[in-house]
Amino acid sequence: MRKNLVTAAIIAVLAAPALYLLGIWAVFADWLAMIWSFLAESTLVPNWLLALLTICAFIVAGIFGAALRPPRESAFPETSEPTDKDSAG
């Protein structure tokens, strides 16, 4: 786990100058500025609240989707409950 974190940090440190040299850093900064201006705009319902509620809606939809999914077969059949096929033999 720690090795993966160190590897990700090294990649991020090496990628930052490359992004600057390629001009992608400016595009990324413009994108962040656009998001910030959207969240700070004045509307009847604050946009930051709309963004927060959207995130919550995605989380709730994921929970409902997981609840509606059929159960999986056990990875360890010896620890699961016996089925009709096991008792018939």
PDB file of N, CA and C in Angstrom:
ATOM      1  N   MET A   1       0.829  -1.192   0.000  1.00  0.00           N
ATOM      2  CA  MET A   1       0.000   0.000   0.000  1.00  0.00           C
ATOM      3  C   MET A   1       0.871   1.252   0.000  1.00  0.00           C
ATOM      4  N   ARG A   2       1.858   1.288   0.864  1.00  0.00           N
ATOM      5  CA  ARG A   2       2.724   2.444   0.963  1.00  0.00           C
ATOM      6  C   ARG A   2       3.563   2.609  -0.311  1.00  0.00           C
ATOM      7  N   LYS A   3       3.948   1.474  -0.898  1.00  0.00           N
ATOM      8  CA  LYS A   3       4.734   1.516  -2.131  1.00  0.00           C
ATOM      9  C   LYS A   3       3.929   2.151  -3.260  1.00  0.00           C
ATOM     10  N   ASN A   4       2.640   1.831  -3.333  1.00  0.00           N
ATOM     11  CA  ASN A   4       1.771   2.423  -4.354  1.00  0.00           C
ATOM     12  C   ASN A   4       1.628   3.928  -4.155  1.00  0.00           C
ATOM     13  N   LEU A   5       1.540   4.359  -2.910  1.00  0.00           N
ATOM     14  CA  LEU A   5       1.406   5.780  -2.615  1.00  0.00           C
ATOM     15  C   LEU A   5       2.673   6.537  -3.004  1.00  0.00           C
ATOM     16  N   VAL A   6       3.822   5.958  -2.706  1.00  0.00           N
ATOM     17  CA  VAL A   6       5.089   6.582  -3.079  1.00  0.00           C
ATOM     18  C   VAL A   6       5.220   6.647  -4.593  1.00  0.00           C
ATOM     19  N   THR A   7       4.840   5.597  -5.283  1.00  0.00           N
ATOM     20  CA  THR A   7       4.893   5.579  -6.744  1.00  0.00           C
ATOM     21  C   THR A   7       3.979   6.649  -7.335  1.00  0.00           C
ATOM     22  N   ALA A   8       2.776   6.784  -6.800  1.00  0.00           N
ATOM     23  CA  ALA A   8       1.842   7.803  -7.290  1.00  0.00           C
ATOM     24  C   ALA A   8       2.390   9.204  -7.041  1.00  0.00           C
ATOM     25  N   ALA A   9       3.035   9.426  -5.907  1.00  0.00           N
ATOM     26  CA  ALA A   9       3.610  10.738  -5.606  1.00  0.00           C
ATOM     27  C   ALA A   9       4.756  11.057  -6.564  1.00  0.00           C
ATOM     28  N   ILE A  10       5.585  10.078  -6.862  1.00  0.00           N
ATOM     29  CA  ILE A  10       6.692  10.299  -7.801  1.00  0.00           C
ATOM     30  C   ILE A  10       6.161  10.630  -9.189  1.00  0.00           C
ATOM     31  N   ILE A  11       5.144   9.909  -9.628  1.00  0.00           N
ATOM     32  CA  ILE A  11       4.552  10.175 -10.942  1.00  0.00           C
ATOM     33  C   ILE A  11       3.952  11.576 -10.987  1.00  0.00           C
ATOM     34  N   ALA A  12       3.297  11.991  -9.903  1.00  0.00           N
ATOM     35  CA  ALA A  12       2.695  13.330  -9.861  1.00  0.00           C
ATOM     36  C   ALA A  12       3.767  14.415  -9.905  1.00  0.00           C
ATOM     37  N   VAL A  13       4.860  14.208  -9.186  1.00  0.00           N
ATOM     38  CA  VAL A  13       5.935  15.197  -9.181  1.00  0.00           C
ATOM     39  C   VAL A  13       6.588  15.293 -10.557  1.00  0.00           C
ATOM     40  N   LEU A  14       6.747  14.171 -11.223  1.00  0.00           N
ATOM     41  CA  LEU A  14       7.349  14.180 -12.554  1.00  0.00           C
ATOM     42  C   LEU A  14       6.390  14.699 -13.623  1.00  0.00           C
ATOM     43  N   ALA A  15       5.097  14.506 -13.422  1.00  0.00           N
ATOM     44  CA  ALA A  15       4.113  14.920 -14.420  1.00  0.00           C
ATOM     45  C   ALA A  15       3.834  16.416 -14.371  1.00  0.00           C
ATOM     46  N   ALA A  16       3.988  17.047 -13.217  1.00  0.00           N
ATOM     47  CA  ALA A  16       3.665  18.468 -13.097  1.00  0.00           C
ATOM     48  C   ALA A  16       4.496  19.334 -14.045  1.00  0.00           C
ATOM     49  N   PRO A  17       5.835  19.186 -14.114  1.00  0.00           N
ATOM     50  CA  PRO A  17       6.587  19.997 -15.092  1.00  0.00           C
ATOM     51  C   PRO A  17       6.227  19.671 -16.540  1.00  0.00           C
ATOM     52  N   ALA A  18       5.948  18.411 -16.815  1.00  0.00           N
ATOM     53  CA  ALA A  18       5.568  18.031 -18.185  1.00  0.00           C
ATOM     54  C   ALA A  18       4.255  18.700 -18.569  1.00  0.00           C
ATOM     55  N   LEU A  19       3.302  18.746 -17.643  1.00  0.00           N
ATOM     56  CA  LEU A  19       2.032  19.414 -17.926  1.00  0.00           C
ATOM     57  C   LEU A  19       2.244  20.899 -18.170  1.00  0.00           C
ATOM     58  N   TYR A  20       3.159  21.508 -17.412  1.00  0.00           N
ATOM     59  CA  TYR A  20       3.439  22.931 -17.603  1.00  0.00           C
ATOM     60  C   TYR A  20       4.082  23.184 -18.962  1.00  0.00           C
ATOM     61  N   LEU A  21       5.037  22.344 -19.321  1.00  0.00           N
ATOM     62  CA  LEU A  21       5.741  22.539 -20.595  1.00  0.00           C
ATOM     63  C   LEU A  21       4.836  22.303 -21.797  1.00  0.00           C
ATOM     64  N   LEU A  22       3.889  21.383 -21.665  1.00  0.00           N
ATOM     65  CA  LEU A  22       2.972  21.098 -22.770  1.00  0.00           C
ATOM     66  C   LEU A  22       1.809  22.089 -22.852  1.00  0.00           C
ATOM     67  N   GLY A  23       1.676  22.952 -21.855  1.00  0.00           N
ATOM     68  CA  GLY A  23       0.593  23.923 -21.853  1.00  0.00           C
ATOM     69  C   GLY A  23      -0.709  23.368 -21.310  1.00  0.00           C
ATOM     70  N   ILE A  24      -0.688  22.158 -20.811  1.00  0.00           N
ATOM     71  CA  ILE A  24      -1.912  21.555 -20.282  1.00  0.00           C
ATOM     72  C   ILE A  24      -2.246  22.132 -18.909  1.00  0.00           C
ATOM     73  N   TRP A  25      -1.226  22.618 -18.201  1.00  0.00           N
ATOM     74  CA  TRP A  25      -1.458  23.183 -16.874  1.00  0.00           C
ATOM     75  C   TRP A  25      -2.376  24.401 -16.965  1.00  0.00           C
ATOM     76  N   ALA A  26      -2.205  25.225 -18.014  1.00  0.00           N
ATOM     77  CA  ALA A  26      -3.056  26.397 -18.212  1.00  0.00           C
ATOM     78  C   ALA A  26      -4.495  25.976 -18.513  1.00  0.00           C
ATOM     79  N   VAL A  27      -4.662  24.919 -19.287  1.00  0.00           N
ATOM     80  CA  VAL A  27      -6.011  24.410 -19.573  1.00  0.00           C
ATOM     81  C   VAL A  27      -6.663  23.903 -18.295  1.00  0.00           C
ATOM     82  N   PHE A  28      -5.873  23.210 -17.489  1.00  0.00           N
ATOM     83  CA  PHE A  28      -6.384  22.701 -16.214  1.00  0.00           C
ATOM     84  C   PHE A  28      -6.774  23.859 -15.289  1.00  0.00           C
ATOM     85  N   ALA A  29      -5.959  24.920 -15.246  1.00  0.00           N
ATOM     86  CA  ALA A  29      -6.266  26.091 -14.415  1.00  0.00           C
ATOM     87  C   ALA A  29      -7.531  26.784 -14.910  1.00  0.00           C
ATOM     88  N   ASP A  30      -7.699  26.885 -16.233  1.00  0.00           N
ATOM     89  CA  ASP A  30      -8.919  27.479 -16.787  1.00  0.00           C
ATOM     90  C   ASP A  30     -10.148  26.655 -16.425  1.00  0.00           C
ATOM     91  N   TRP A  31      -9.994  25.344 -16.446  1.00  0.00           N
ATOM     92  CA  TRP A  31     -11.101  24.452 -16.093  1.00  0.00           C
ATOM     93  C   TRP A  31     -11.485  24.637 -14.624  1.00  0.00           C
ATOM     94  N   LEU A  32     -10.484  24.722 -13.751  1.00  0.00           N
ATOM     95  CA  LEU A  32     -10.766  24.953 -12.330  1.00  0.00           C
ATOM     96  C   LEU A  32     -11.420  26.318 -12.111  1.00  0.00           C
ATOM     97  N   ALA A  33     -10.966  27.332 -12.850  1.00  0.00           N
ATOM     98  CA  ALA A  33     -11.566  28.661 -12.723  1.00  0.00           C
ATOM     99  C   ALA A  33     -13.018  28.651 -13.184  1.00  0.00           C
ATOM    100  N   MET A  34     -13.308  27.897 -14.246  1.00  0.00           N
ATOM    101  CA  MET A  34     -14.674  27.807 -14.744  1.00  0.00           C
ATOM    102  C   MET A  34     -15.585  27.127 -13.710  1.00  0.00           C
ATOM    103  N   ILE A  35     -15.073  26.062 -13.091  1.00  0.00           N
ATOM    104  CA  ILE A  35     -15.859  25.373 -12.054  1.00  0.00           C
ATOM    105  C   ILE A  35     -16.081  26.299 -10.865  1.00  0.00           C
ATOM    106  N   TRP A  36     -15.034  27.018 -10.455  1.00  0.00           N
ATOM    107  CA  TRP A  36     -15.166  27.917  -9.311  1.00  0.00           C
ATOM    108  C   TRP A  36     -16.169  29.029  -9.604  1.00  0.00           C
ATOM    109  N   SER A  37     -16.132  29.596 -10.804  1.00  0.00           N
ATOM    110  CA  SER A  37     -17.083  30.660 -11.131  1.00  0.00           C
ATOM    111  C   SER A  37     -18.511  30.125 -11.181  1.00  0.00           C
ATOM    112  N   PHE A  38     -18.691  28.889 -11.645  1.00  0.00           N
ATOM    113  CA  PHE A  38     -20.028  28.293 -11.650  1.00  0.00           C
ATOM    114  C   PHE A  38     -20.545  28.127 -10.223  1.00  0.00           C
ATOM    115  N   LEU A  39     -19.681  27.641  -9.328  1.00  0.00           N
ATOM    116  CA  LEU A  39     -20.105  27.427  -7.946  1.00  0.00           C
ATOM    117  C   LEU A  39     -20.359  28.740  -7.212  1.00  0.00           C
ATOM    118  N   ALA A  40     -19.689  29.813  -7.641  1.00  0.00           N
ATOM    119  CA  ALA A  40     -19.826  31.094  -6.947  1.00  0.00           C
ATOM    120  C   ALA A  40     -20.907  31.987  -7.549  1.00  0.00           C
ATOM    121  N   GLU A  41     -21.502  31.605  -8.674  1.00  0.00           N
ATOM    122  CA  GLU A  41     -22.526  32.429  -9.297  1.00  0.00           C
ATOM    123  C   GLU A  41     -23.739  32.568  -8.393  1.00  0.00           C
ATOM    124  N   SER A  42     -24.455  33.663  -8.574  1.00  0.00           N
ATOM    125  CA  SER A  42     -25.630  33.934  -7.766  1.00  0.00           C
ATOM    126  C   SER A  42     -26.879  33.431  -8.486  1.00  0.00           C
ATOM    127  N   THR A  43     -27.581  32.507  -7.864  1.00  0.00           N
ATOM    128  CA  THR A  43     -28.855  31.996  -8.369  1.00  0.00           C
ATOM    129  C   THR A  43     -29.815  31.883  -7.195  1.00  0.00           C
ATOM    130  N   LEU A  44     -31.057  31.482  -7.469  1.00  0.00           N
ATOM    131  CA  LEU A  44     -32.012  31.328  -6.375  1.00  0.00           C
ATOM    132  C   LEU A  44     -31.577  30.237  -5.408  1.00  0.00           C
ATOM    133  N   VAL A  45     -31.052  29.152  -5.956  1.00  0.00           N
ATOM    134  CA  VAL A  45     -30.475  28.087  -5.136  1.00  0.00           C
ATOM    135  C   VAL A  45     -28.966  28.141  -5.368  1.00  0.00           C
ATOM    136  N   PRO A  46     -28.178  28.229  -4.304  1.00  0.00           N
ATOM    137  CA  PRO A  46     -26.726  28.320  -4.505  1.00  0.00           C
ATOM    138  C   PRO A  46     -26.197  27.127  -5.309  1.00  0.00           C
ATOM    139  N   ASN A  47     -25.313  27.408  -6.256  1.00  0.00           N
ATOM    140  CA  ASN A  47     -24.796  26.352  -7.123  1.00  0.00           C
ATOM    141  C   ASN A  47     -23.947  25.342  -6.363  1.00  0.00           C
ATOM    142  N   TRP A  48     -23.270  25.788  -5.281  1.00  0.00           N
ATOM    143  CA  TRP A  48     -22.498  24.829  -4.496  1.00  0.00           C
ATOM    144  C   TRP A  48     -23.433  23.815  -3.853  1.00  0.00           C
ATOM    145  N   LEU A  49     -24.652  24.269  -3.476  1.00  0.00           N
ATOM    146  CA  LEU A  49     -25.627  23.355  -2.888  1.00  0.00           C
ATOM    147  C   LEU A  49     -26.150  22.390  -3.946  1.00  0.00           C
ATOM    148  N   LEU A  50     -26.357  22.872  -5.163  1.00  0.00           N
ATOM    149  CA  LEU A  50     -26.780  21.989  -6.249  1.00  0.00           C
ATOM    150  C   LEU A  50     -25.717  20.921  -6.527  1.00  0.00           C
ATOM    151  N   ALA A  51     -24.448  21.324  -6.506  1.00  0.00           N
ATOM    152  CA  ALA A  51     -23.365  20.367  -6.723  1.00  0.00           C
ATOM    153  C   ALA A  51     -23.337  19.327  -5.608  1.00  0.00           C
ATOM    154  N   LEU A  52     -23.508  19.769  -4.367  1.00  0.00           N
ATOM    155  CA  LEU A  52     -23.517  18.836  -3.235  1.00  0.00           C
ATOM    156  C   LEU A  52     -24.690  17.863  -3.330  1.00  0.00           C
ATOM    157  N   LEU A  53     -25.859  18.368  -3.690  1.00  0.00           N
ATOM    158  CA  LEU A  53     -27.024  17.502  -3.818  1.00  0.00           C
ATOM    159  C   LEU A  53     -26.873  16.525  -4.984  1.00  0.00           C
ATOM    160  N   THR A  54     -26.191  16.936  -6.048  1.00  0.00           N
ATOM    161  CA  THR A  54     -25.932  16.038  -7.169  1.00  0.00           C
ATOM    162  C   THR A  54     -25.041  14.888  -6.742  1.00  0.00           C
ATOM    163  N   ILE A  55     -24.002  15.189  -5.970  1.00  0.00           N
ATOM    164  CA  ILE A  55     -23.116  14.136  -5.468  1.00  0.00           C
ATOM    165  C   ILE A  55     -23.900  13.168  -4.582  1.00  0.00           C
ATOM    166  N   CYS A  56     -24.743  13.715  -3.715  1.00  0.00           N
ATOM    167  CA  CYS A  56     -25.562  12.858  -2.846  1.00  0.00           C
ATOM    168  C   CYS A  56     -26.517  11.994  -3.665  1.00  0.00           C
ATOM    169  N   ALA A  57     -27.074  12.546  -4.735  1.00  0.00           N
ATOM    170  CA  ALA A  57     -27.980  11.769  -5.583  1.00  0.00           C
ATOM    171  C   ALA A  57     -27.256  10.610  -6.250  1.00  0.00           C
ATOM    172  N   PHE A  58     -26.030  10.834  -6.706  1.00  0.00           N
ATOM    173  CA  PHE A  58     -25.248   9.745  -7.290  1.00  0.00           C
ATOM    174  C   PHE A  58     -24.952   8.656  -6.262  1.00  0.00           C
ATOM    175  N   ILE A  59     -24.653   9.052  -5.040  1.00  0.00           N
ATOM    176  CA  ILE A  59     -24.376   8.073  -3.989  1.00  0.00           C
ATOM    177  C   ILE A  59     -25.624   7.245  -3.685  1.00  0.00           C
ATOM    178  N   VAL A  60     -26.764   7.905  -3.555  1.00  0.00           N
ATOM    179  CA  VAL A  60     -28.014   7.192  -3.264  1.00  0.00           C
ATOM    180  C   VAL A  60     -28.381   6.266  -4.420  1.00  0.00           C
ATOM    181  N   ALA A  61     -28.197   6.719  -5.660  1.00  0.00           N
ATOM    182  CA  ALA A  61     -28.490   5.870  -6.812  1.00  0.00           C
ATOM    183  C   ALA A  61     -27.579   4.649  -6.823  1.00  0.00           C
ATOM    184  N   GLY A  62     -26.333   4.812  -6.449  1.00  0.00           N
ATOM    185  CA  GLY A  62     -25.420   3.671  -6.369  1.00  0.00           C
ATOM    186  C   GLY A  62     -25.832   2.684  -5.292  1.00  0.00           C
ATOM    187  N   ILE A  63     -26.289   3.190  -4.162  1.00  0.00           N
ATOM    188  CA  ILE A  63     -26.741   2.303  -3.080  1.00  0.00           C
ATOM    189  C   ILE A  63     -27.981   1.529  -3.516  1.00  0.00           C
ATOM    190  N   PHE A  64     -28.945   2.231  -4.140  1.00  0.00           N
ATOM    191  CA  PHE A  64     -30.136   1.534  -4.631  1.00  0.00           C
ATOM    192  C   PHE A  64     -29.789   0.523  -5.713  1.00  0.00           C
ATOM    193  N   GLY A  65     -28.892   0.882  -6.595  1.00  0.00           N
ATOM    194  CA  GLY A  65     -28.475  -0.053  -7.640  1.00  0.00           C
ATOM    195  C   GLY A  65     -27.816  -1.286  -7.068  1.00  0.00           C
ATOM    196  N   ALA A  66     -26.989  -1.109  -6.031  1.00  0.00           N
ATOM    197  CA  ALA A  66     -26.344  -2.255  -5.395  1.00  0.00           C
ATOM    198  C   ALA A  66     -27.358  -3.118  -4.660  1.00  0.00           C
ATOM    199  N   ALA A  67     -28.386  -2.499  -4.091  1.00  0.00           N
ATOM    200  CA  ALA A  67     -29.405  -3.260  -3.362  1.00  0.00           C
ATOM    201  C   ALA A  67     -30.277  -4.077  -4.308  1.00  0.00           C
ATOM    202  N   LEU A  68     -30.475  -3.594  -5.522  1.00  0.00           N
ATOM    203  CA  LEU A  68     -31.328  -4.297  -6.479  1.00  0.00           C
ATOM    204  C   LEU A  68     -30.602  -5.403  -7.239  1.00  0.00           C
ATOM    205  N   ARG A  69     -29.284  -5.420  -7.149  1.00  0.00           N
ATOM    206  CA  ARG A  69     -28.499  -6.421  -7.869  1.00  0.00           C
ATOM    207  C   ARG A  69     -28.659  -7.795  -7.221  1.00  0.00           C
ATOM    208  N   PRO A  70     -28.748  -8.865  -8.000  1.00  0.00           N
ATOM    209  CA  PRO A  70     -28.882 -10.198  -7.406  1.00  0.00           C
ATOM    210  C   PRO A  70     -27.606 -10.581  -6.654  1.00  0.00           C
ATOM    211  N   PRO A  71     -27.729 -11.420  -5.636  1.00  0.00           N
ATOM    212  CA  PRO A  71     -26.545 -11.801  -4.861  1.00  0.00           C
ATOM    213  C   PRO A  71     -25.580 -12.636  -5.696  1.00  0.00           C
ATOM    214  N   ARG A  72     -24.308 -12.537  -5.375  1.00  0.00           N
ATOM    215  CA  ARG A  72     -23.275 -13.283  -6.091  1.00  0.00           C
ATOM    216  C   ARG A  72     -23.133 -14.685  -5.518  1.00  0.00           C
ATOM    217  N   GLU A  73     -22.548 -15.549  -6.340  1.00  0.00           N
ATOM    218  CA  GLU A  73     -22.184 -16.867  -5.837  1.00  0.00           C
ATOM    219  C   GLU A  73     -21.010 -16.697  -4.879  1.00  0.00           C
ATOM    220  N   SER A  74     -20.941 -17.537  -3.875  1.00  0.00           N
ATOM    221  CA  SER A  74     -19.883 -17.434  -2.880  1.00  0.00           C
ATOM    222  C   SER A  74     -18.539 -17.823  -3.490  1.00  0.00           C
ATOM    223  N   ALA A  75     -17.499 -17.090  -3.125  1.00  0.00           N
ATOM    224  CA  ALA A  75     -16.153 -17.422  -3.590  1.00  0.00           C
ATOM    225  C   ALA A  75     -15.620 -18.645  -2.860  1.00  0.00           C
ATOM    226  N   PHE A  76     -16.164 -18.915  -1.675  1.00  0.00           N
ATOM    227  CA  PHE A  76     -15.756 -20.060  -0.877  1.00  0.00           C
ATOM    228  C   PHE A  76     -16.992 -20.926  -0.610  1.00  0.00           C
ATOM    229  N   PRO A  77     -17.304 -21.855  -1.512  1.00  0.00           N
ATOM    230  CA  PRO A  77     -18.546 -22.619  -1.377  1.00  0.00           C
ATOM    231  C   PRO A  77     -18.598 -23.464  -0.103  1.00  0.00           C
ATOM    232  N   GLU A  78     -17.451 -23.830   0.457  1.00  0.00           N
ATOM    233  CA  GLU A  78     -17.480 -24.667   1.653  1.00  0.00           C
ATOM    234  C   GLU A  78     -17.987 -23.906   2.874  1.00  0.00           C
ATOM    235  N   THR A  79     -17.953 -22.579   2.841  1.00  0.00           N
ATOM    236  CA  THR A  79     -18.429 -21.807   3.987  1.00  0.00           C
ATOM    237  C   THR A  79     -19.849 -21.287   3.797  1.00  0.00           C
ATOM    238  N   SER A  80     -20.426 -21.472   2.616  1.00  0.00           N
ATOM    239  CA  SER A  80     -21.779 -20.978   2.385  1.00  0.00           C
ATOM    240  C   SER A  80     -22.797 -22.037   2.809  1.00  0.00           C
ATOM    241  N   GLU A  81     -24.051 -21.604   2.818  1.00  0.00           N
ATOM    242  CA  GLU A  81     -25.126 -22.517   3.214  1.00  0.00           C
ATOM    243  C   GLU A  81     -25.312 -23.598   2.155  1.00  0.00           C
ATOM    244  N   PRO A  82     -25.710 -24.805   2.571  1.00  0.00           N
ATOM    245  CA  PRO A  82     -25.916 -25.862   1.587  1.00  0.00           C
ATOM    246  C   PRO A  82     -27.119 -25.554   0.698  1.00  0.00           C
ATOM    247  N   THR A  83     -27.036 -25.979  -0.546  1.00  0.00           N
ATOM    248  CA  THR A  83     -28.128 -25.779  -1.484  1.00  0.00           C
ATOM    249  C   THR A  83     -28.904 -27.081  -1.640  1.00  0.00           C
ATOM    250  N   ASP A  84     -30.000 -27.046  -2.403  1.00  0.00           N
ATOM    251  CA  ASP A  84     -30.797 -28.250  -2.649  1.00  0.00           C
ATOM    252  C   ASP A  84     -29.959 -29.293  -3.397  1.00  0.00           C
ATOM    253  N   LYS A  85     -29.086 -28.830  -4.252  1.00  0.00           N
ATOM    254  CA  LYS A  85     -28.258 -29.757  -5.022  1.00  0.00           C
ATOM    255  C   LYS A  85     -27.311 -30.535  -4.078  1.00  0.00           C
ATOM    256  N   ASP A  86     -26.822 -29.890  -3.020  1.00  0.00           N
ATOM    257  CA  ASP A  86     -25.902 -30.543  -2.098  1.00  0.00           C
ATOM    258  C   ASP A  86     -26.613 -31.591  -1.242  1.00  0.00           C
ATOM    259  N   SER A  87     -27.851 -31.365  -0.858  1.00  0.00           N
ATOM    260  CA  SER A  87     -28.548 -32.312   0.021  1.00  0.00           C
ATOM    261  C   SER A  87     -29.178 -33.476  -0.750  1.00  0.00           C
ATOM    262  N   ALA A  88     -29.326 -33.349  -2.071  1.00  0.00           N
ATOM    263  CA  ALA A  88     -29.958 -34.413  -2.853  1.00  0.00           C
ATOM    264  C   ALA A  88     -29.015 -35.575  -3.102  1.00  0.00           C
ATOM    265  N   GLY A  89     -27.711 -35.346  -3.051  1.00  0.00           N
ATOM    266  CA  GLY A  89     -26.737 -36.338  -3.469  1.00  0.00           C
ATOM    267  C   GLY A  89     -26.448 -37.359  -2.464  1.00  0.00           C
TER     268      GLY A  89
END
